[in-house]
């Protein structure tokens, strides 16, 4: 009656839970993202007028290039959200977990 998680599970479970929970929250409530760097944000979440079919987690802004953009590098959480930080959080945690 024991569940063996192992060392792989100690890394996999938290990272995949983080990726899944961030995806769900971003899909429902993420603010618009400046995807191309010209200050014209694109909305992809349900609270900003999309439905289940047209909803998406918008990728990171091209203005920051292909750089790693963690939460602690942004001046504020609003800036991190505006530049598409949740997308990178989801992708990196998913890749680390898988």
PDB file of N, CA and C in Angstrom:
ATOM      1  N   UNK A   1       0.815  -1.203   0.000  1.00  0.00           N
ATOM      2  CA  UNK A   1       0.000   0.000   0.000  1.00  0.00           C
ATOM      3  C   UNK A   1       0.852   1.258   0.000  1.00  0.00           C
ATOM      4  N   UNK A   2       1.979   1.201  -0.634  1.00  0.00           N
ATOM      5  CA  UNK A   2       2.851   2.372  -0.695  1.00  0.00           C
ATOM      6  C   UNK A   2       2.942   2.859  -2.134  1.00  0.00           C
ATOM      7  N   UNK A   3       3.099   4.151  -2.255  1.00  0.00           N
ATOM      8  CA  UNK A   3       3.288   4.758  -3.573  1.00  0.00           C
ATOM      9  C   UNK A   3       4.733   5.221  -3.667  1.00  0.00           C
ATOM     10  N   UNK A   4       5.499   4.593  -4.527  1.00  0.00           N
ATOM     11  CA  UNK A   4       6.904   4.952  -4.675  1.00  0.00           C
ATOM     12  C   UNK A   4       7.029   6.052  -5.725  1.00  0.00           C
ATOM     13  N   UNK A   5       7.527   7.185  -5.307  1.00  0.00           N
ATOM     14  CA  UNK A   5       7.672   8.321  -6.218  1.00  0.00           C
ATOM     15  C   UNK A   5       9.069   8.336  -6.826  1.00  0.00           C
ATOM     16  N   UNK A   6      10.078   8.124  -6.043  1.00  0.00           N
ATOM     17  CA  UNK A   6      11.448   8.087  -6.539  1.00  0.00           C
ATOM     18  C   UNK A   6      12.020   9.468  -6.773  1.00  0.00           C
ATOM     19  N   UNK A   7      13.305   9.478  -7.150  1.00  0.00           N
ATOM     20  CA  UNK A   7      13.980  10.759  -7.371  1.00  0.00           C
ATOM     21  C   UNK A   7      13.431  11.473  -8.599  1.00  0.00           C
ATOM     22  N   UNK A   8      13.085  10.720  -9.626  1.00  0.00           N
ATOM     23  CA  UNK A   8      12.520  11.346 -10.821  1.00  0.00           C
ATOM     24  C   UNK A   8      11.186  12.009 -10.509  1.00  0.00           C
ATOM     25  N   UNK A   9      10.364  11.348  -9.700  1.00  0.00           N
ATOM     26  CA  UNK A   9       9.073  11.920  -9.319  1.00  0.00           C
ATOM     27  C   UNK A   9       9.206  13.155  -8.462  1.00  0.00           C
ATOM     28  N   UNK A  10      10.288  13.233  -7.678  1.00  0.00           N
ATOM     29  CA  UNK A  10      10.511  14.427  -6.846  1.00  0.00           C
ATOM     30  C   UNK A  10      10.754  15.663  -7.702  1.00  0.00           C
ATOM     31  N   UNK A  11      11.257  15.473  -8.904  1.00  0.00           N
ATOM     32  CA  UNK A  11      11.434  16.590  -9.831  1.00  0.00           C
ATOM     33  C   UNK A  11      10.236  16.739 -10.759  1.00  0.00           C
ATOM     34  N   UNK A  12       9.696  15.625 -11.217  1.00  0.00           N
ATOM     35  CA  UNK A  12       8.623  15.658 -12.210  1.00  0.00           C
ATOM     36  C   UNK A  12       7.319  16.216 -11.653  1.00  0.00           C
ATOM     37  N   UNK A  13       6.901  15.742 -10.497  1.00  0.00           N
ATOM     38  CA  UNK A  13       5.590  16.134  -9.965  1.00  0.00           C
ATOM     39  C   UNK A  13       5.492  17.639  -9.713  1.00  0.00           C
ATOM     40  N   UNK A  14       6.447  18.275  -9.012  1.00  0.00           N
ATOM     41  CA  UNK A  14       6.306  19.731  -8.800  1.00  0.00           C
ATOM     42  C   UNK A  14       6.384  20.550 -10.082  1.00  0.00           C
ATOM     43  N   UNK A  15       7.275  20.159 -11.008  1.00  0.00           N
ATOM     44  CA  UNK A  15       7.403  20.962 -12.224  1.00  0.00           C
ATOM     45  C   UNK A  15       6.180  20.825 -13.126  1.00  0.00           C
ATOM     46  N   UNK A  16       5.636  19.625 -13.248  1.00  0.00           N
ATOM     47  CA  UNK A  16       4.441  19.462 -14.082  1.00  0.00           C
ATOM     48  C   UNK A  16       3.210  20.090 -13.431  1.00  0.00           C
ATOM     49  N   UNK A  17       3.121  20.038 -12.106  1.00  0.00           N
ATOM     50  CA  UNK A  17       2.013  20.727 -11.429  1.00  0.00           C
ATOM     51  C   UNK A  17       2.118  22.239 -11.600  1.00  0.00           C
ATOM     52  N   UNK A  18       3.342  22.759 -11.544  1.00  0.00           N
ATOM     53  CA  UNK A  18       3.544  24.194 -11.765  1.00  0.00           C
ATOM     54  C   UNK A  18       3.159  24.580 -13.187  1.00  0.00           C
ATOM     55  N   UNK A  19       3.595  23.795 -14.165  1.00  0.00           N
ATOM     56  CA  UNK A  19       3.263  24.088 -15.560  1.00  0.00           C
ATOM     57  C   UNK A  19       1.761  24.010 -15.801  1.00  0.00           C
ATOM     58  N   UNK A  20       1.111  22.993 -15.265  1.00  0.00           N
ATOM     59  CA  UNK A  20      -0.331  22.829 -15.479  1.00  0.00           C
ATOM     60  C   UNK A  20      -1.135  23.922 -14.793  1.00  0.00           C
ATOM     61  N   UNK A  21      -0.771  24.262 -13.566  1.00  0.00           N
ATOM     62  CA  UNK A  21      -1.525  25.306 -12.860  1.00  0.00           C
ATOM     63  C   UNK A  21      -1.311  26.675 -13.495  1.00  0.00           C
ATOM     64  N   UNK A  22      -0.088  26.972 -13.940  1.00  0.00           N
ATOM     65  CA  UNK A  22       0.157  28.250 -14.614  1.00  0.00           C
ATOM     66  C   UNK A  22      -0.588  28.301 -15.945  1.00  0.00           C
ATOM     67  N   UNK A  23      -0.659  27.181 -16.659  1.00  0.00           N
ATOM     68  CA  UNK A  23      -1.397  27.153 -17.919  1.00  0.00           C
ATOM     69  C   UNK A  23      -2.875  27.434 -17.688  1.00  0.00           C
ATOM     70  N   UNK A  24      -3.457  26.799 -16.701  1.00  0.00           N
ATOM     71  CA  UNK A  24      -4.882  27.000 -16.424  1.00  0.00           C
ATOM     72  C   UNK A  24      -5.156  28.444 -16.024  1.00  0.00           C
ATOM     73  N   UNK A  25      -4.324  28.996 -15.144  1.00  0.00           N
ATOM     74  CA  UNK A  25      -4.522  30.384 -14.705  1.00  0.00           C
ATOM     75  C   UNK A  25      -4.310  31.351 -15.865  1.00  0.00           C
ATOM     76  N   UNK A  26      -3.260  31.127 -16.674  1.00  0.00           N
ATOM     77  CA  UNK A  26      -2.994  32.018 -17.805  1.00  0.00           C
ATOM     78  C   UNK A  26      -4.074  31.910 -18.870  1.00  0.00           C
ATOM     79  N   UNK A  27      -4.594  30.718 -19.100  1.00  0.00           N
ATOM     80  CA  UNK A  27      -5.653  30.532 -20.093  1.00  0.00           C
ATOM     81  C   UNK A  27      -6.923  31.256 -19.674  1.00  0.00           C
ATOM     82  N   UNK A  28      -7.164  31.330 -18.381  1.00  0.00           N
ATOM     83  CA  UNK A  28      -8.379  31.975 -17.890  1.00  0.00           C
ATOM     84  C   UNK A  28      -8.187  33.474 -17.692  1.00  0.00           C
ATOM     85  N   UNK A  29      -7.053  33.903 -17.128  1.00  0.00           N
ATOM     86  CA  UNK A  29      -6.987  35.282 -16.646  1.00  0.00           C
ATOM     87  C   UNK A  29      -5.730  36.061 -17.003  1.00  0.00           C
ATOM     88  N   UNK A  30      -4.898  35.623 -17.925  1.00  0.00           N
ATOM     89  CA  UNK A  30      -3.686  36.374 -18.247  1.00  0.00           C
ATOM     90  C   UNK A  30      -4.024  37.660 -18.996  1.00  0.00           C
ATOM     91  N   UNK A  31      -3.325  38.749 -18.688  1.00  0.00           N
ATOM     92  CA  UNK A  31      -3.568  39.999 -19.419  1.00  0.00           C
ATOM     93  C   UNK A  31      -2.994  39.919 -20.838  1.00  0.00           C
ATOM     94  N   UNK A  32      -3.345  40.868 -21.696  1.00  0.00           N
ATOM     95  CA  UNK A  32      -2.806  40.869 -23.064  1.00  0.00           C
ATOM     96  C   UNK A  32      -1.280  40.966 -23.084  1.00  0.00           C
ATOM     97  N   UNK A  33      -0.671  40.365 -24.102  1.00  0.00           N
ATOM     98  CA  UNK A  33       0.782  40.292 -24.227  1.00  0.00           C
ATOM     99  C   UNK A  33       1.214  41.049 -25.473  1.00  0.00           C
ATOM    100  N   UNK A  34       2.281  41.847 -25.332  1.00  0.00           N
ATOM    101  CA  UNK A  34       2.870  42.555 -26.468  1.00  0.00           C
ATOM    102  C   UNK A  34       3.758  41.564 -27.218  1.00  0.00           C
ATOM    103  N   UNK A  35       3.176  40.876 -28.200  1.00  0.00           N
ATOM    104  CA  UNK A  35       3.860  39.745 -28.830  1.00  0.00           C
ATOM    105  C   UNK A  35       4.949  40.177 -29.812  1.00  0.00           C
ATOM    106  N   UNK A  36       4.825  41.332 -30.448  1.00  0.00           N
ATOM    107  CA  UNK A  36       5.801  41.722 -31.463  1.00  0.00           C
ATOM    108  C   UNK A  36       6.596  42.968 -31.113  1.00  0.00           C
ATOM    109  N   UNK A  37       6.398  43.532 -29.939  1.00  0.00           N
ATOM    110  CA  UNK A  37       7.210  44.655 -29.495  1.00  0.00           C
ATOM    111  C   UNK A  37       6.781  46.011 -30.005  1.00  0.00           C
ATOM    112  N   UNK A  38       5.595  46.134 -30.612  1.00  0.00           N
ATOM    113  CA  UNK A  38       5.153  47.435 -31.118  1.00  0.00           C
ATOM    114  C   UNK A  38       4.046  48.038 -30.258  1.00  0.00           C
ATOM    115  N   UNK A  39       3.957  47.583 -29.025  1.00  0.00           N
ATOM    116  CA  UNK A  39       3.003  48.110 -28.035  1.00  0.00           C
ATOM    117  C   UNK A  39       1.549  47.935 -28.452  1.00  0.00           C
ATOM    118  N   UNK A  40       1.264  46.837 -29.138  1.00  0.00           N
ATOM    119  CA  UNK A  40      -0.115  46.493 -29.475  1.00  0.00           C
ATOM    120  C   UNK A  40      -0.387  45.100 -28.915  1.00  0.00           C
ATOM    121  N   UNK A  41      -0.870  45.025 -27.668  1.00  0.00           N
ATOM    122  CA  UNK A  41      -1.003  43.727 -27.009  1.00  0.00           C
ATOM    123  C   UNK A  41      -2.080  42.841 -27.626  1.00  0.00           C
ATOM    124  N   UNK A  42      -1.837  41.540 -27.558  1.00  0.00           N
ATOM    125  CA  UNK A  42      -2.758  40.527 -28.059  1.00  0.00           C
ATOM    126  C   UNK A  42      -3.337  39.786 -26.861  1.00  0.00           C
ATOM    127  N   UNK A  43      -4.662  39.741 -26.772  1.00  0.00           N
ATOM    128  CA  UNK A  43      -5.325  39.061 -25.663  1.00  0.00           C
ATOM    129  C   UNK A  43      -5.629  37.619 -26.053  1.00  0.00           C
ATOM    130  N   UNK A  44      -5.390  36.701 -25.128  1.00  0.00           N
ATOM    131  CA  UNK A  44      -5.656  35.304 -25.417  1.00  0.00           C
ATOM    132  C   UNK A  44      -6.450  34.590 -24.345  1.00  0.00           C
ATOM    133  N   UNK A  45      -6.738  35.262 -23.240  1.00  0.00           N
ATOM    134  CA  UNK A  45      -7.397  34.576 -22.128  1.00  0.00           C
ATOM    135  C   UNK A  45      -8.912  34.707 -22.205  1.00  0.00           C
ATOM    136  N   UNK A  46      -9.574  33.885 -21.421  1.00  0.00           N
ATOM    137  CA  UNK A  46     -11.036  33.864 -21.428  1.00  0.00           C
ATOM    138  C   UNK A  46     -11.634  35.155 -20.881  1.00  0.00           C
ATOM    139  N   UNK A  47     -11.002  35.746 -19.880  1.00  0.00           N
ATOM    140  CA  UNK A  47     -11.539  36.972 -19.289  1.00  0.00           C
ATOM    141  C   UNK A  47     -11.413  38.185 -20.209  1.00  0.00           C
ATOM    142  N   UNK A  48     -10.627  38.071 -21.262  1.00  0.00           N
ATOM    143  CA  UNK A  48     -10.470  39.180 -22.200  1.00  0.00           C
ATOM    144  C   UNK A  48     -11.232  38.943 -23.496  1.00  0.00           C
ATOM    145  N   UNK A  49     -12.306  38.164 -23.441  1.00  0.00           N
ATOM    146  CA  UNK A  49     -13.213  38.058 -24.570  1.00  0.00           C
ATOM    147  C   UNK A  49     -13.050  36.848 -25.463  1.00  0.00           C
ATOM    148  N   UNK A  50     -12.142  35.956 -25.171  1.00  0.00           N
ATOM    149  CA  UNK A  50     -11.992  34.751 -25.988  1.00  0.00           C
ATOM    150  C   UNK A  50     -12.874  33.640 -25.442  1.00  0.00           C
ATOM    151  N   UNK A  51     -13.149  32.662 -26.292  1.00  0.00           N
ATOM    152  CA  UNK A  51     -13.878  31.487 -25.830  1.00  0.00           C
ATOM    153  C   UNK A  51     -12.914  30.302 -25.778  1.00  0.00           C
ATOM    154  N   UNK A  52     -13.423  29.119 -25.500  1.00  0.00           N
ATOM    155  CA  UNK A  52     -12.561  27.943 -25.348  1.00  0.00           C
ATOM    156  C   UNK A  52     -11.793  27.639 -26.634  1.00  0.00           C
ATOM    157  N   UNK A  53     -12.405  27.877 -27.784  1.00  0.00           N
ATOM    158  CA  UNK A  53     -11.750  27.582 -29.062  1.00  0.00           C
ATOM    159  C   UNK A  53     -10.668  28.607 -29.387  1.00  0.00           C
ATOM    160  N   UNK A  54     -10.931  29.895 -29.164  1.00  0.00           N
ATOM    161  CA  UNK A  54      -9.980  30.934 -29.556  1.00  0.00           C
ATOM    162  C   UNK A  54      -9.023  31.330 -28.442  1.00  0.00           C
ATOM    163  N   UNK A  55      -9.178  30.766 -27.259  1.00  0.00           N
ATOM    164  CA  UNK A  55      -8.292  31.104 -26.147  1.00  0.00           C
ATOM    165  C   UNK A  55      -6.914  30.491 -26.326  1.00  0.00           C
ATOM    166  N   UNK A  56      -5.898  31.174 -25.789  1.00  0.00           N
ATOM    167  CA  UNK A  56      -4.524  30.686 -25.904  1.00  0.00           C
ATOM    168  C   UNK A  56      -3.656  31.359 -24.859  1.00  0.00           C
ATOM    169  N   UNK A  57      -2.522  30.739 -24.578  1.00  0.00           N
ATOM    170  CA  UNK A  57      -1.478  31.394 -23.805  1.00  0.00           C
ATOM    171  C   UNK A  57      -0.540  31.992 -24.837  1.00  0.00           C
ATOM    172  N   UNK A  58      -0.457  33.310 -24.861  1.00  0.00           N
ATOM    173  CA  UNK A  58       0.294  34.021 -25.898  1.00  0.00           C
ATOM    174  C   UNK A  58       1.798  33.885 -25.634  1.00  0.00           C
ATOM    175  N   UNK A  59       2.604  33.582 -26.672  1.00  0.00           N
ATOM    176  CA  UNK A  59       4.056  33.437 -26.484  1.00  0.00           C
ATOM    177  C   UNK A  59       4.734  34.728 -26.049  1.00  0.00           C
ATOM    178  N   UNK A  60       5.986  34.607 -25.664  1.00  0.00           N
ATOM    179  CA  UNK A  60       6.762  35.748 -25.187  1.00  0.00           C
ATOM    180  C   UNK A  60       6.957  36.782 -26.283  1.00  0.00           C
ATOM    181  N   UNK A  61       7.221  38.003 -25.852  1.00  0.00           N
ATOM    182  CA  UNK A  61       7.407  39.111 -26.776  1.00  0.00           C
ATOM    183  C   UNK A  61       8.705  38.964 -27.558  1.00  0.00           C
ATOM    184  N   UNK A  62       8.678  39.358 -28.823  1.00  0.00           N
ATOM    185  CA  UNK A  62       9.892  39.367 -29.632  1.00  0.00           C
ATOM    186  C   UNK A  62      10.831  40.486 -29.215  1.00  0.00           C
ATOM    187  N   UNK A  63      10.323  41.455 -28.458  1.00  0.00           N
ATOM    188  CA  UNK A  63      11.159  42.561 -28.014  1.00  0.00           C
ATOM    189  C   UNK A  63      12.245  42.088 -27.048  1.00  0.00           C
ATOM    190  N   UNK A  64      11.998  41.001 -26.318  1.00  0.00           N
ATOM    191  CA  UNK A  64      13.033  40.487 -25.413  1.00  0.00           C
ATOM    192  C   UNK A  64      13.890  39.423 -26.086  1.00  0.00           C
ATOM    193  N   UNK A  65      13.598  39.107 -27.320  1.00  0.00           N
ATOM    194  CA  UNK A  65      14.391  38.133 -28.063  1.00  0.00           C
ATOM    195  C   UNK A  65      14.172  36.722 -27.557  1.00  0.00           C
ATOM    196  N   UNK A  66      15.204  35.896 -27.674  1.00  0.00           N
ATOM    197  CA  UNK A  66      15.086  34.510 -27.226  1.00  0.00           C
ATOM    198  C   UNK A  66      15.770  34.326 -25.876  1.00  0.00           C
ATOM    199  N   UNK A  67      15.700  35.329 -25.044  1.00  0.00           N
ATOM    200  CA  UNK A  67      16.356  35.295 -23.745  1.00  0.00           C
ATOM    201  C   UNK A  67      15.463  34.639 -22.703  1.00  0.00           C
ATOM    202  N   UNK A  68      16.106  34.054 -21.716  1.00  0.00           N
ATOM    203  CA  UNK A  68      15.404  33.506 -20.565  1.00  0.00           C
ATOM    204  C   UNK A  68      14.846  34.676 -19.760  1.00  0.00           C
ATOM    205  N   UNK A  69      13.555  34.640 -19.441  1.00  0.00           N
ATOM    206  CA  UNK A  69      12.888  35.778 -18.801  1.00  0.00           C
ATOM    207  C   UNK A  69      12.147  35.320 -17.540  1.00  0.00           C
ATOM    208  N   UNK A  70      12.886  35.079 -16.448  1.00  0.00           N
ATOM    209  CA  UNK A  70      12.227  34.653 -15.207  1.00  0.00           C
ATOM    210  C   UNK A  70      11.537  35.818 -14.510  1.00  0.00           C
ATOM    211  N   UNK A  71      10.730  35.491 -13.527  1.00  0.00           N
ATOM    212  CA  UNK A  71       9.959  36.513 -12.811  1.00  0.00           C
ATOM    213  C   UNK A  71      10.886  37.515 -12.140  1.00  0.00           C
ATOM    214  N   UNK A  72      11.992  37.059 -11.564  1.00  0.00           N
ATOM    215  CA  UNK A  72      12.866  37.955 -10.805  1.00  0.00           C
ATOM    216  C   UNK A  72      13.665  38.905 -11.693  1.00  0.00           C
ATOM    217  N   UNK A  73      13.683  38.721 -12.994  1.00  0.00           N
ATOM    218  CA  UNK A  73      14.380  39.638 -13.893  1.00  0.00           C
ATOM    219  C   UNK A  73      13.517  40.830 -14.298  1.00  0.00           C
ATOM    220  N   UNK A  74      12.225  40.729 -14.143  1.00  0.00           N
ATOM    221  CA  UNK A  74      11.327  41.819 -14.523  1.00  0.00           C
ATOM    222  C   UNK A  74      11.263  42.850 -13.402  1.00  0.00           C
ATOM    223  N   UNK A  75      10.966  44.091 -13.762  1.00  0.00           N
ATOM    224  CA  UNK A  75      10.837  45.152 -12.768  1.00  0.00           C
ATOM    225  C   UNK A  75       9.590  44.967 -11.918  1.00  0.00           C
ATOM    226  N   UNK A  76       8.565  44.364 -12.493  1.00  0.00           N
ATOM    227  CA  UNK A  76       7.324  44.111 -11.758  1.00  0.00           C
ATOM    228  C   UNK A  76       6.636  42.891 -12.363  1.00  0.00           C
ATOM    229  N   UNK A  77       5.677  42.365 -11.640  1.00  0.00           N
ATOM    230  CA  UNK A  77       4.916  41.222 -12.153  1.00  0.00           C
ATOM    231  C   UNK A  77       4.094  41.647 -13.361  1.00  0.00           C
ATOM    232  N   UNK A  78       3.614  42.892 -13.372  1.00  0.00           N
ATOM    233  CA  UNK A  78       2.844  43.385 -14.516  1.00  0.00           C
ATOM    234  C   UNK A  78       3.692  43.395 -15.786  1.00  0.00           C
ATOM    235  N   UNK A  79       4.964  43.806 -15.652  1.00  0.00           N
ATOM    236  CA  UNK A  79       5.860  43.800 -16.810  1.00  0.00           C
ATOM    237  C   UNK A  79       6.111  42.373 -17.290  1.00  0.00           C
ATOM    238  N   UNK A  80       6.288  41.454 -16.348  1.00  0.00           N
ATOM    239  CA  UNK A  80       6.520  40.051 -16.689  1.00  0.00           C
ATOM    240  C   UNK A  80       5.319  39.474 -17.429  1.00  0.00           C
ATOM    241  N   UNK A  81       4.121  39.791 -16.968  1.00  0.00           N
ATOM    242  CA  UNK A  81       2.908  39.324 -17.636  1.00  0.00           C
ATOM    243  C   UNK A  81       2.758  39.969 -19.010  1.00  0.00           C
ATOM    244  N   UNK A  82       3.071  41.262 -19.116  1.00  0.00           N
ATOM    245  CA  UNK A  82       2.923  41.997 -20.374  1.00  0.00           C
ATOM    246  C   UNK A  82       3.876  41.467 -21.449  1.00  0.00           C
ATOM    247  N   UNK A  83       5.038  40.982 -21.029  1.00  0.00           N
ATOM    248  CA  UNK A  83       6.023  40.467 -21.987  1.00  0.00           C
ATOM    249  C   UNK A  83       5.916  38.966 -22.225  1.00  0.00           C
ATOM    250  N   UNK A  84       4.881  38.322 -21.696  1.00  0.00           N
ATOM    251  CA  UNK A  84       4.660  36.911 -21.974  1.00  0.00           C
ATOM    252  C   UNK A  84       5.446  35.959 -21.101  1.00  0.00           C
ATOM    253  N   UNK A  85       5.691  36.334 -19.871  1.00  0.00           N
ATOM    254  CA  UNK A  85       6.428  35.480 -18.944  1.00  0.00           C
ATOM    255  C   UNK A  85       5.773  34.144 -18.648  1.00  0.00           C
ATOM    256  N   UNK A  86       4.434  34.084 -18.508  1.00  0.00           N
ATOM    257  CA  UNK A  86       3.816  32.782 -18.225  1.00  0.00           C
ATOM    258  C   UNK A  86       4.087  31.729 -19.299  1.00  0.00           C
ATOM    259  N   UNK A  87       4.215  32.136 -20.544  1.00  0.00           N
ATOM    260  CA  UNK A  87       4.503  31.183 -21.619  1.00  0.00           C
ATOM    261  C   UNK A  87       5.839  30.488 -21.370  1.00  0.00           C
ATOM    262  N   UNK A  88       6.863  31.278 -21.040  1.00  0.00           N
ATOM    263  CA  UNK A  88       8.166  30.683 -20.767  1.00  0.00           C
ATOM    264  C   UNK A  88       8.131  29.819 -19.517  1.00  0.00           C
ATOM    265  N   UNK A  89       7.410  30.253 -18.490  1.00  0.00           N
ATOM    266  CA  UNK A  89       7.302  29.453 -17.275  1.00  0.00           C
ATOM    267  C   UNK A  89       6.675  28.101 -17.587  1.00  0.00           C
ATOM    268  N   UNK A  90       5.615  28.100 -18.376  1.00  0.00           N
ATOM    269  CA  UNK A  90       4.930  26.851 -18.728  1.00  0.00           C
ATOM    270  C   UNK A  90       5.854  25.948 -19.543  1.00  0.00           C
ATOM    271  N   UNK A  91       6.488  26.489 -20.559  1.00  0.00           N
ATOM    272  CA  UNK A  91       7.327  25.677 -21.448  1.00  0.00           C
ATOM    273  C   UNK A  91       8.531  25.106 -20.707  1.00  0.00           C
ATOM    274  N   UNK A  92       9.235  25.931 -19.945  1.00  0.00           N
ATOM    275  CA  UNK A  92      10.435  25.441 -19.266  1.00  0.00           C
ATOM    276  C   UNK A  92      10.109  24.429 -18.175  1.00  0.00           C
ATOM    277  N   UNK A  93       9.039  24.662 -17.423  1.00  0.00           N
ATOM    278  CA  UNK A  93       8.674  23.692 -16.391  1.00  0.00           C
ATOM    279  C   UNK A  93       8.178  22.383 -17.014  1.00  0.00           C
ATOM    280  N   UNK A  94       7.480  22.471 -18.129  1.00  0.00           N
ATOM    281  CA  UNK A  94       7.032  21.245 -18.798  1.00  0.00           C
ATOM    282  C   UNK A  94       8.224  20.451 -19.332  1.00  0.00           C
ATOM    283  N   UNK A  95       9.164  21.141 -19.976  1.00  0.00           N
ATOM    284  CA  UNK A  95      10.341  20.445 -20.505  1.00  0.00           C
ATOM    285  C   UNK A  95      11.187  19.845 -19.388  1.00  0.00           C
ATOM    286  N   UNK A  96      11.306  20.555 -18.287  1.00  0.00           N
ATOM    287  CA  UNK A  96      12.066  20.032 -17.153  1.00  0.00           C
ATOM    288  C   UNK A  96      11.366  18.825 -16.532  1.00  0.00           C
ATOM    289  N   UNK A  97      10.042  18.858 -16.502  1.00  0.00           N
ATOM    290  CA  UNK A  97       9.291  17.755 -15.912  1.00  0.00           C
ATOM    291  C   UNK A  97       9.229  16.519 -16.782  1.00  0.00           C
ATOM    292  N   UNK A  98       9.305  16.713 -18.086  1.00  0.00           N
ATOM    293  CA  UNK A  98       9.211  15.570 -18.996  1.00  0.00           C
ATOM    294  C   UNK A  98      10.602  15.090 -19.322  1.00  0.00           C
TER     295      UNK A  98
END
